[in-house]
Amino acid sequence: MTKNNPTYIFKSVPIKSIDIDDQLTSFSFDIPPISLKQSIDEIGVIHPVTLVPLGKSFRIVCGHKRIKIVSQLKIKEIPARILSPAPDEEAMLMLNLSENQFLHQYSDIEKGLILSKLCTVNILEIRIIEKYMPMLGLEKSKKLLDEHLKANQLVLGLKTLLHEMNVPLRVFSVLFHWNTESAVAAERFFSVLRPGVNKWRDLL
């Protein structure tokens, strides 16, 4: 992780210059709220997104939902704060987590996604356990880390459903032993039934 303290340059950035497909720091399974879209449509983006330069384009550090909405509304530019010099990928992840630490309550599915991304950028396991798990409200536990990484390997539809219904890992961890066909069948069953957490526990 870079030790340089980046400075911020505030400017309006063309949407077409932002790599919207870069999802490194996108942790949320929620769709952008309608209220946010209405607000941006009526008064624009109030809080600048955070970007880092990559050649002639930009990567997103914070603001995926705002950028997606602006793109859908066909607004050509968005206010941004640009980090210079560009931090490394661990620093990008850290900046997003720090900004949202007290603003967003992550589901166990989202925590699994975040921990998987930290592993993807080659952060040492012990560093993830000691530094990042407490930021997510998790105990410093290798077993718990391994379980959250398994959660991220579930089929997408099932992960989305588990997130939407805020089912805790201790309830759905039994799914880790199921094959893909069984997991897909569970997704179909629970998406129709949509039980409460206690019923999830009983049925699983």
Protein backbone atom coordinates (compact mmCIF):
# COMPACT_ATOMS: atom_id res chain seq x y z
CA MET A 1 0.00 0.00 0.00
CA THR A 2 1.45 3.34 -1.00
CA LYS A 3 2.61 5.59 1.82
CA ASN A 4 2.34 8.79 -0.21
CA ASN A 5 -0.42 11.13 0.93
CA PRO A 6 -2.36 11.98 -2.22
CA THR A 7 -3.62 15.46 -2.92
CA TYR A 8 -7.08 16.12 -4.32
CA ILE A 9 -7.78 17.99 -7.53
CA PHE A 10 -11.42 19.07 -7.92
CA LYS A 11 -12.76 19.29 -11.45
CA SER A 12 -15.65 18.31 -13.68
CA VAL A 13 -14.91 15.05 -15.50
CA PRO A 14 -16.54 13.73 -18.71
CA ILE A 15 -18.46 10.53 -18.01
CA LYS A 16 -17.02 8.94 -21.15
CA SER A 17 -13.53 9.20 -19.63
CA ILE A 18 -14.50 7.09 -16.57
CA ASP A 19 -14.06 3.31 -16.73
CA ILE A 20 -17.54 2.35 -15.54
CA ASP A 21 -16.79 -1.35 -16.00
CA ASP A 22 -14.00 -1.21 -13.41
CA GLN A 23 -15.74 -2.63 -10.32
CA LEU A 24 -12.78 -3.01 -7.96
CA THR A 25 -14.25 -0.69 -5.32
CA SER A 26 -17.91 -1.53 -5.95
CA PHE A 27 -19.11 -3.46 -2.90
CA SER A 28 -22.87 -2.98 -2.85
CA PHE A 29 -25.49 -5.48 -4.01
CA ASP A 30 -28.16 -2.77 -3.80
CA ILE A 31 -29.49 -1.04 -6.88
CA PRO A 32 -29.26 2.79 -6.86
CA PRO A 33 -32.28 4.18 -4.97
CA ILE A 34 -34.96 5.99 -6.96
CA SER A 35 -34.67 8.98 -4.60
CA LEU A 36 -31.00 9.40 -5.55
CA LYS A 37 -31.84 9.27 -9.24
CA GLN A 38 -34.59 11.86 -8.79
CA SER A 39 -32.26 14.13 -6.82
CA ILE A 40 -29.51 13.95 -9.44
CA ASP A 41 -32.02 14.50 -12.23
CA GLU A 42 -33.40 17.62 -10.53
CA ILE A 43 -30.35 19.28 -8.94
CA GLY A 44 -27.34 17.30 -10.16
CA VAL A 45 -24.55 15.60 -8.19
CA ILE A 46 -23.89 17.50 -4.95
CA HIS A 47 -21.12 15.33 -3.51
CA PRO A 48 -18.18 14.78 -5.89
CA VAL A 49 -17.17 11.22 -6.74
CA THR A 50 -13.59 10.11 -6.09
CA LEU A 51 -11.45 9.02 -9.03
CA VAL A 52 -7.86 8.09 -9.78
CA PRO A 53 -6.19 8.76 -13.13
CA LEU A 54 -5.23 5.87 -15.39
CA GLY A 55 -3.63 7.20 -18.56
CA LYS A 56 -6.29 9.34 -20.24
CA SER A 57 -9.13 7.74 -18.30
CA PHE A 58 -10.17 7.38 -14.65
CA ARG A 59 -10.86 4.54 -12.22
CA ILE A 60 -13.61 4.85 -9.60
CA VAL A 61 -12.71 4.91 -5.91
CA CYS A 62 -16.05 6.14 -4.51
CA GLY A 63 -19.30 6.95 -6.28
CA HIS A 64 -20.28 3.95 -8.41
CA LYS A 65 -24.02 4.52 -7.94
CA ARG A 66 -23.82 8.25 -8.72
CA ILE A 67 -21.77 7.59 -11.84
CA LYS A 68 -24.19 4.88 -12.99
CA ILE A 69 -27.17 7.19 -12.57
CA VAL A 70 -25.46 10.10 -14.33
CA SER A 71 -24.61 7.77 -17.20
CA GLN A 72 -28.24 6.57 -17.42
CA LEU A 73 -29.48 10.17 -17.43
CA LYS A 74 -27.03 10.92 -20.25
CA ILE A 75 -25.42 13.75 -18.29
CA LYS A 76 -22.06 14.40 -19.91
CA GLU A 77 -19.96 15.42 -16.88
CA ILE A 78 -19.77 14.80 -13.15
CA PRO A 79 -18.00 16.72 -10.35
CA ALA A 80 -15.05 14.72 -9.05
CA ARG A 81 -12.09 14.86 -6.74
CA ILE A 82 -9.09 13.24 -8.39
CA LEU A 83 -6.33 11.68 -6.32
CA SER A 84 -2.80 12.55 -7.36
CA PRO A 85 -0.54 10.65 -7.42
CA ALA A 86 -2.71 7.64 -8.14
CA PRO A 87 -2.72 5.24 -5.15
CA ASP A 88 -2.31 1.50 -5.49
CA GLU A 89 -5.27 -0.87 -5.44
CA GLU A 90 -5.10 -1.59 -1.72
CA ALA A 91 -5.21 2.14 -1.02
CA MET A 92 -8.23 2.48 -3.34
CA LEU A 93 -10.07 -0.24 -1.44
CA MET A 94 -9.06 1.27 1.89
CA LEU A 95 -10.27 4.74 0.88
CA ASN A 96 -13.68 3.39 -0.09
CA LEU A 97 -14.02 1.37 3.10
CA SER A 98 -12.95 4.34 5.23
CA GLU A 99 -15.44 6.68 3.55
CA ASN A 100 -18.33 4.25 3.97
CA GLN A 101 -17.38 2.67 7.31
CA PHE A 102 -20.00 4.61 9.29
CA LEU A 103 -22.44 5.23 6.43
CA HIS A 104 -23.12 1.72 5.16
CA GLN A 105 -24.00 -1.45 7.05
CA TYR A 106 -22.67 -4.27 4.89
CA SER A 107 -24.49 -7.58 4.71
CA ASP A 108 -22.48 -10.78 5.20
CA ILE A 109 -22.65 -11.32 1.45
CA GLU A 110 -21.13 -7.88 0.83
CA LYS A 111 -18.46 -8.56 3.45
CA GLY A 112 -17.54 -11.72 1.57
CA LEU A 113 -17.21 -9.71 -1.65
CA ILE A 114 -15.01 -7.09 0.02
CA LEU A 115 -12.72 -9.67 1.61
CA SER A 116 -12.43 -11.49 -1.72
CA LYS A 117 -11.38 -8.26 -3.45
CA LEU A 118 -8.75 -7.65 -0.79
CA CYS A 119 -7.38 -11.13 -1.51
CA THR A 120 -7.49 -10.44 -5.26
CA VAL A 121 -5.06 -7.52 -4.94
CA ASN A 122 -2.63 -9.81 -3.09
CA ILE A 123 -2.95 -8.40 0.43
CA LEU A 124 -1.47 -10.79 2.98
CA GLU A 125 -4.05 -12.89 4.81
CA ILE A 126 -2.77 -11.82 8.22
CA ARG A 127 -3.12 -8.16 7.22
CA ILE A 128 -6.71 -8.73 6.09
CA ILE A 129 -7.51 -10.43 9.40
CA GLU A 130 -5.80 -7.85 11.59
CA LYS A 131 -6.65 -4.63 9.73
CA TYR A 132 -9.69 -5.06 7.52
CA MET A 133 -11.94 -7.55 9.29
CA PRO A 134 -12.42 -5.20 12.29
CA MET A 135 -13.39 -2.43 9.83
CA LEU A 136 -16.22 -4.70 8.70
CA GLY A 137 -17.30 -5.45 12.26
CA LEU A 138 -15.84 -8.96 12.14
CA GLU A 139 -13.71 -10.81 14.66
CA LYS A 140 -10.07 -11.39 13.76
CA SER A 141 -10.54 -15.00 12.73
CA LYS A 142 -9.06 -17.05 9.89
CA LYS A 143 -12.05 -19.41 10.07
CA LEU A 144 -14.44 -16.48 9.70
CA LEU A 145 -12.40 -15.12 6.80
CA ASP A 146 -12.51 -18.48 5.04
CA GLU A 147 -16.29 -18.70 5.51
CA HIS A 148 -16.86 -15.23 4.06
CA LEU A 149 -14.67 -16.10 1.08
CA LYS A 150 -16.82 -19.20 0.53
CA ALA A 151 -19.93 -16.99 0.66
CA ASN A 152 -18.58 -15.00 -2.27
CA GLN A 153 -18.35 -18.22 -4.31
CA LEU A 154 -22.09 -18.89 -4.19
CA VAL A 155 -24.08 -18.39 -7.39
CA LEU A 156 -24.90 -14.73 -8.07
CA GLY A 157 -28.68 -15.07 -7.85
CA LEU A 158 -28.47 -16.76 -4.47
CA LYS A 159 -26.01 -14.17 -3.15
CA THR A 160 -28.34 -11.39 -4.26
CA LEU A 161 -31.29 -13.03 -2.50
CA LEU A 162 -29.32 -13.63 0.70
CA HIS A 163 -28.25 -9.98 0.66
CA GLU A 164 -31.75 -8.63 0.01
CA MET A 165 -33.15 -10.65 2.91
CA ASN A 166 -30.12 -9.91 5.12
CA VAL A 167 -29.60 -13.56 6.02
CA PRO A 168 -26.54 -13.94 8.29
CA LEU A 169 -23.65 -16.19 7.37
CA ARG A 170 -24.22 -18.48 10.36
CA VAL A 171 -27.61 -19.37 8.84
CA PHE A 172 -26.66 -19.88 5.20
CA SER A 173 -23.18 -21.43 5.69
CA VAL A 174 -24.75 -24.88 5.19
CA LEU A 175 -25.05 -23.92 1.50
CA PHE A 176 -21.25 -24.13 1.14
CA HIS A 177 -21.58 -27.91 1.00
CA TRP A 178 -24.20 -27.89 -1.75
CA ASN A 179 -23.44 -28.30 -5.44
CA THR A 180 -24.38 -25.65 -8.01
CA GLU A 181 -27.58 -27.42 -9.05
CA SER A 182 -28.80 -27.56 -5.46
CA ALA A 183 -27.84 -23.92 -4.86
CA VAL A 184 -29.81 -22.80 -7.92
CA ALA A 185 -32.81 -24.86 -6.73
CA ALA A 186 -32.53 -23.20 -3.31
CA GLU A 187 -32.49 -19.78 -4.96
CA ARG A 188 -35.72 -20.55 -6.85
CA PHE A 189 -37.41 -21.96 -3.76
CA PHE A 190 -36.50 -19.14 -1.39
CA SER A 191 -37.15 -16.39 -3.95
CA VAL A 192 -40.76 -17.57 -4.12
CA LEU A 193 -41.24 -18.31 -0.43
CA ARG A 194 -39.18 -15.31 0.86
CA PRO A 195 -39.25 -16.45 4.52
CA GLY A 196 -37.89 -14.62 7.54
CA VAL A 197 -34.42 -15.37 8.87
CA ASN A 198 -35.69 -17.87 11.45
CA LYS A 199 -37.58 -19.77 8.77
CA TRP A 200 -34.46 -19.77 6.58
CA ARG A 201 -32.64 -21.46 9.47
CA ASP A 202 -35.38 -24.08 9.93
CA LEU A 203 -35.68 -24.88 6.23
CA LEU A 204 -31.95 -25.09 5.58
